[in-house]
Protein backbone atom coordinates (compact mmCIF):
# COMPACT_ATOMS: atom_id res chain seq x y z
CA MET A 1 0.02 0.15 0.09
CA PRO A 2 1.76 3.64 -0.85
CA GLY A 3 2.75 5.44 1.68
CA ALA A 4 1.96 9.16 2.53
CA VAL A 5 0.68 11.53 0.33
CA GLU A 6 1.23 15.25 -0.54
CA ASN A 7 -2.01 17.69 -0.52
CA VAL A 8 -2.18 19.97 -3.56
CA VAL A 9 -4.50 22.85 -4.18
CA LEU A 10 -4.99 23.68 -7.72
CA GLU A 11 -6.11 27.13 -8.94
CA ALA A 12 -5.79 26.19 -12.88
CA PRO A 13 -9.14 25.60 -14.68
CA LEU A 14 -10.31 21.91 -15.32
CA TYR A 15 -12.02 20.75 -18.64
CA ARG A 16 -14.31 17.54 -18.86
CA MET A 17 -15.63 16.15 -22.24
CA VAL A 18 -19.21 14.72 -22.17
CA PRO A 19 -21.34 13.27 -25.01
CA SER A 20 -23.47 15.92 -26.85
CA ARG A 21 -26.65 13.52 -26.50
CA PHE A 22 -26.71 14.54 -22.81
CA PRO A 23 -28.54 17.41 -22.26
CA PRO A 24 -27.18 20.43 -21.33
CA VAL A 25 -29.56 21.96 -18.90
CA ASN A 26 -31.95 20.21 -16.38
CA LEU A 27 -33.80 20.67 -13.20
CA PHE A 28 -30.13 21.08 -11.22
CA GLU A 29 -30.03 24.29 -13.21
CA TRP A 30 -32.85 26.25 -11.85
CA ALA A 31 -34.10 24.43 -8.70
CA THR A 32 -31.85 25.37 -5.36
CA GLY A 33 -31.80 22.61 -2.93
CA PRO A 34 -35.15 22.74 -0.90
CA GLU A 35 -36.97 23.28 -4.32
CA PHE A 36 -35.28 19.93 -5.80
CA GLU A 37 -36.20 18.05 -2.62
CA ALA A 38 -39.94 18.96 -2.65
CA LEU A 39 -40.18 18.51 -6.61
CA ALA A 40 -38.62 15.15 -6.42
CA ALA A 41 -40.79 14.40 -3.38
CA LEU A 42 -44.15 15.34 -5.34
CA GLU A 43 -43.35 14.03 -8.64
CA SER A 44 -40.97 11.30 -8.58
CA ASP A 45 -43.50 8.46 -8.69
CA THR A 46 -45.14 9.53 -11.48
CA ASN A 47 -42.63 11.84 -13.63
CA ASP A 48 -40.34 9.36 -15.43
CA ARG A 49 -38.35 12.26 -17.12
CA LEU A 50 -38.06 13.85 -13.63
CA LEU A 51 -36.02 10.50 -12.64
CA ASN A 52 -34.10 10.19 -15.90
CA GLU A 53 -32.84 13.94 -15.50
CA ALA A 54 -32.21 13.43 -11.52
CA GLY A 55 -30.65 10.14 -11.84
CA ALA A 56 -29.60 7.86 -8.78
CA LEU A 57 -29.77 11.09 -6.59
CA ALA A 58 -29.70 8.98 -3.59
CA LEU A 59 -26.21 8.29 -4.17
CA VAL A 60 -25.14 11.92 -3.10
CA PRO A 61 -25.67 12.93 0.43
CA MET A 62 -27.69 16.06 0.89
CA GLY A 63 -24.56 18.04 2.10
CA GLU A 64 -22.68 17.03 -1.10
CA ARG A 65 -25.26 18.52 -3.36
CA ILE A 66 -25.07 21.38 -5.83
CA PHE A 67 -27.52 23.28 -7.63
CA GLY A 68 -27.71 26.45 -10.03
CA PRO A 69 -26.44 27.02 -13.31
CA GLY A 70 -23.78 25.00 -14.66
CA SER A 71 -24.57 22.36 -11.75
CA THR A 72 -25.81 19.73 -14.00
CA PRO A 73 -22.46 18.34 -15.38
CA VAL A 74 -21.13 17.98 -12.39
CA MET A 75 -24.30 16.34 -10.68
CA ALA A 76 -24.54 14.39 -13.53
CA ALA A 77 -20.98 12.60 -12.80
CA PHE A 78 -22.33 11.27 -9.71
CA THR A 79 -26.04 10.39 -10.45
CA HIS A 80 -25.38 8.83 -13.83
CA ILE A 81 -23.01 5.92 -13.82
CA GLY A 82 -22.06 4.37 -16.49
CA HIS A 83 -19.16 1.95 -15.79
CA ASP A 84 -16.53 1.71 -13.80
CA ASN A 85 -13.35 3.88 -14.09
CA ARG A 86 -9.71 3.97 -12.35
CA PHE A 87 -10.72 5.41 -8.97
CA ASN A 88 -14.60 4.31 -8.55
CA ASP A 89 -16.80 1.47 -9.46
CA ALA A 90 -20.06 1.12 -10.72
CA THR A 91 -22.13 1.64 -7.72
CA ARG A 92 -20.23 5.15 -6.83
CA GLY A 93 -19.81 8.18 -9.38
CA ALA A 94 -16.69 10.78 -9.45
CA TYR A 95 -16.10 13.56 -11.77
CA TYR A 96 -12.96 13.14 -14.16
CA ALA A 97 -11.15 16.35 -15.60
CA ALA A 98 -7.88 17.53 -17.13
CA LEU A 99 -5.64 20.26 -16.54
CA THR A 100 -5.78 20.91 -20.67
CA LYS A 101 -8.38 20.68 -23.37
CA SER A 102 -5.82 18.23 -25.31
CA THR A 103 -5.56 15.84 -22.13
CA ALA A 104 -9.29 15.73 -21.92
CA ILE A 105 -9.84 14.74 -25.34
CA ALA A 106 -6.84 12.28 -24.93
CA GLU A 107 -8.36 10.41 -22.15
CA THR A 108 -12.07 10.41 -23.87
CA ARG A 109 -10.92 9.59 -27.05
CA PHE A 110 -9.38 6.59 -25.50
CA HIS A 111 -12.72 5.47 -23.61
CA ARG A 112 -14.93 6.03 -26.56
CA GLN A 113 -12.90 4.17 -29.07
CA ARG A 114 -13.02 1.33 -26.43
CA PHE A 115 -16.33 1.56 -26.31
CA MET A 116 -17.63 1.84 -29.73
CA SER A 117 -15.08 -1.06 -30.70
CA ALA A 118 -16.61 -3.38 -28.05
CA SER A 119 -20.20 -2.39 -29.16
CA ASN A 120 -19.23 -2.96 -32.98
CA ASP A 121 -20.38 0.46 -34.22
CA PRO A 122 -20.44 1.27 -37.86
CA ALA A 123 -18.31 4.40 -38.80
CA GLY A 124 -19.66 7.58 -37.97
CA THR A 125 -19.34 10.98 -35.67
CA VAL A 126 -19.63 11.41 -31.74
CA GLN A 127 -20.14 15.15 -31.14
CA MET A 128 -18.78 15.96 -27.44
CA ARG A 129 -19.15 18.84 -25.41
CA CYS A 130 -16.19 20.56 -23.08
CA TYR A 131 -16.93 21.93 -19.98
CA SER A 132 -14.68 23.95 -17.69
CA ASN A 133 -14.83 24.71 -13.94
CA ARG A 134 -12.47 24.50 -11.14
CA LEU A 135 -12.13 23.25 -7.72
CA ALA A 136 -14.05 24.87 -4.80
CA PRO A 137 -11.86 27.32 -2.94
CA LYS A 138 -9.51 25.69 -0.49
CA THR A 139 -10.16 22.12 -1.76
CA ALA A 140 -6.98 20.01 -1.54
CA LEU A 141 -6.30 16.84 -3.68
CA GLU A 142 -4.22 14.01 -2.70
CA SER A 143 -1.27 14.08 -5.20
CA LEU A 144 -0.43 10.79 -6.72
CA PHE A 145 2.52 11.35 -8.76
CA ALA A 146 5.00 9.83 -6.40
CA SER A 147 6.69 6.75 -7.90
CA ASP A 148 4.61 4.73 -4.89
CA PHE A 149 1.46 5.47 -7.08
CA ALA A 150 2.80 4.13 -10.45
CA GLY A 151 1.23 0.87 -10.31
CA PHE A 152 -2.42 2.46 -10.39
CA PHE A 153 -1.07 4.19 -13.93
CA ASP A 154 -0.38 1.21 -15.92
CA THR A 155 -2.14 1.11 -19.67
CA SER A 156 -4.44 -1.41 -19.02
CA THR A 157 -8.06 -1.09 -17.81
CA GLN A 158 -7.66 -3.27 -14.71
CA TYR A 159 -8.87 -0.97 -12.00
CA ALA A 160 -9.20 -2.87 -8.82
CA ALA A 161 -6.46 -2.01 -6.70
CA SER A 162 -6.90 1.76 -7.58
CA GLN A 163 -10.31 1.56 -6.70
CA ALA A 164 -9.90 -0.01 -3.60
CA TYR A 165 -7.37 2.71 -2.52
CA ALA A 166 -9.88 5.53 -3.61
CA ALA A 167 -12.51 3.91 -2.07
CA GLN A 168 -10.39 3.85 1.28
CA ARG A 169 -9.07 7.69 0.82
CA ARG A 170 -12.33 8.73 -0.09
CA ASN A 171 -14.10 6.88 3.33
CA GLY A 172 -11.75 8.72 5.06
CA GLY A 173 -12.56 12.02 3.67
CA ALA A 174 -10.19 13.16 0.67
CA ALA A 175 -11.58 15.48 -1.73
CA GLY A 176 -10.24 13.33 -4.65
CA PHE A 177 -6.85 12.87 -6.39
CA TYR A 178 -4.40 14.71 -8.76
CA TYR A 179 -2.80 12.50 -10.97
CA PRO A 180 -0.39 11.90 -14.12
CA SER A 181 -2.56 11.09 -16.95
CA VAL A 182 -2.40 7.50 -19.04
CA ARG A 183 -3.29 8.50 -22.29
CA ASP A 184 -1.39 11.56 -22.77
CA ALA A 185 2.05 11.60 -21.59
CA GLY A 186 2.99 14.62 -19.31
CA GLY A 187 -0.59 15.46 -18.88
CA GLN A 188 -2.36 16.17 -15.60
CA CYS A 189 -5.72 14.94 -14.36
CA VAL A 190 -7.99 15.20 -11.36
CA VAL A 191 -10.83 13.05 -10.12
CA ALA A 192 -12.98 14.58 -7.53
CA PHE A 193 -15.22 12.28 -5.26
CA ARG A 194 -17.81 14.86 -4.26
CA PRO A 195 -19.61 17.08 -6.35
CA ASN A 196 -19.09 20.17 -3.82
CA ALA A 197 -15.40 19.99 -4.27
CA LEU A 198 -15.99 21.62 -7.56
CA THR A 199 -17.38 24.92 -9.04
CA HIS A 200 -20.14 25.24 -11.29
CA THR A 201 -19.05 24.70 -15.06
CA VAL A 202 -19.70 26.69 -18.33
CA GLN A 203 -19.25 25.14 -21.43
CA CYS A 204 -16.22 26.30 -23.81
CA GLY A 205 -16.16 24.02 -26.54
CA HIS A 206 -17.97 21.63 -29.00
CA TYR A 207 -15.78 18.86 -30.61
CA GLU A 208 -16.50 16.07 -33.21
CA TYR A 209 -14.55 12.73 -33.01
CA CYS A 210 -14.47 10.47 -36.07
CA TRP A 211 -14.73 6.85 -35.99
CA ASN A 212 -14.08 5.17 -38.66
CA GLY A 213 -15.08 1.51 -37.77
CA HIS A 214 -11.69 0.54 -35.85
CA GLU A 215 -10.44 3.83 -34.12
CA ILE A 216 -11.16 7.40 -33.67
CA GLU A 217 -8.56 8.90 -36.40
CA GLN A 218 -9.65 12.53 -36.00
CA VAL A 219 -10.94 15.25 -33.98
CA PHE A 220 -12.59 18.10 -34.98
CA GLU A 221 -13.45 21.23 -33.01
CA LEU A 222 -16.93 22.65 -34.25
CA VAL A 223 -16.70 26.26 -35.01
CA SER A 224 -19.91 28.38 -35.08
CA GLN A 225 -20.43 30.81 -37.90
CA ARG A 226 -22.49 33.52 -38.22
CA LEU A 227 -24.64 32.74 -41.50
CA SER A 228 -25.84 36.10 -42.36
């Protein structure tokens, strides 16, 4: 088991890429905490759309939730859990981001490619939306750049050891980790274990990943142009 870790406070912006098929706005955006709870209690038994938008809200304790404009991409990472990852399993969400857009693209390119290959998807494109935010003020992350943690960052997708360590640290109160990117040499990433460890997001780009049936061969930034 790795030894003592260094705590770091990062002030740099963070970047996260998500598929554009996910709605950019939902009720996390306009309902306050108490309003949301009242709506959920009133409508959850009859409104499937509300349930789909909220996701597995019970997984996030009340004191860790955030609401308001830009909160949806953060909350969705904890309430809509598609699969396990390096520092979380399929029972608990986490918010992954990178310190540059290029690293965020490299990380998601690998995972989207892996998913599309496993699904035998035909050639096509996937549109991705980029969000930016920061760590909440005074939030410190545990740095995993020391050699003690190198075993967590091999190129395989076997995450049992890193997930177990993350669960131990999360249960001990850690806000998250600062760690080296596996898919972008020299890149830096973060994972936050709780929504309130993060600020609200702003959208900062729209991208198209081009899948040729075997790999994502190109990534383009989609730029809006005035037509008249």
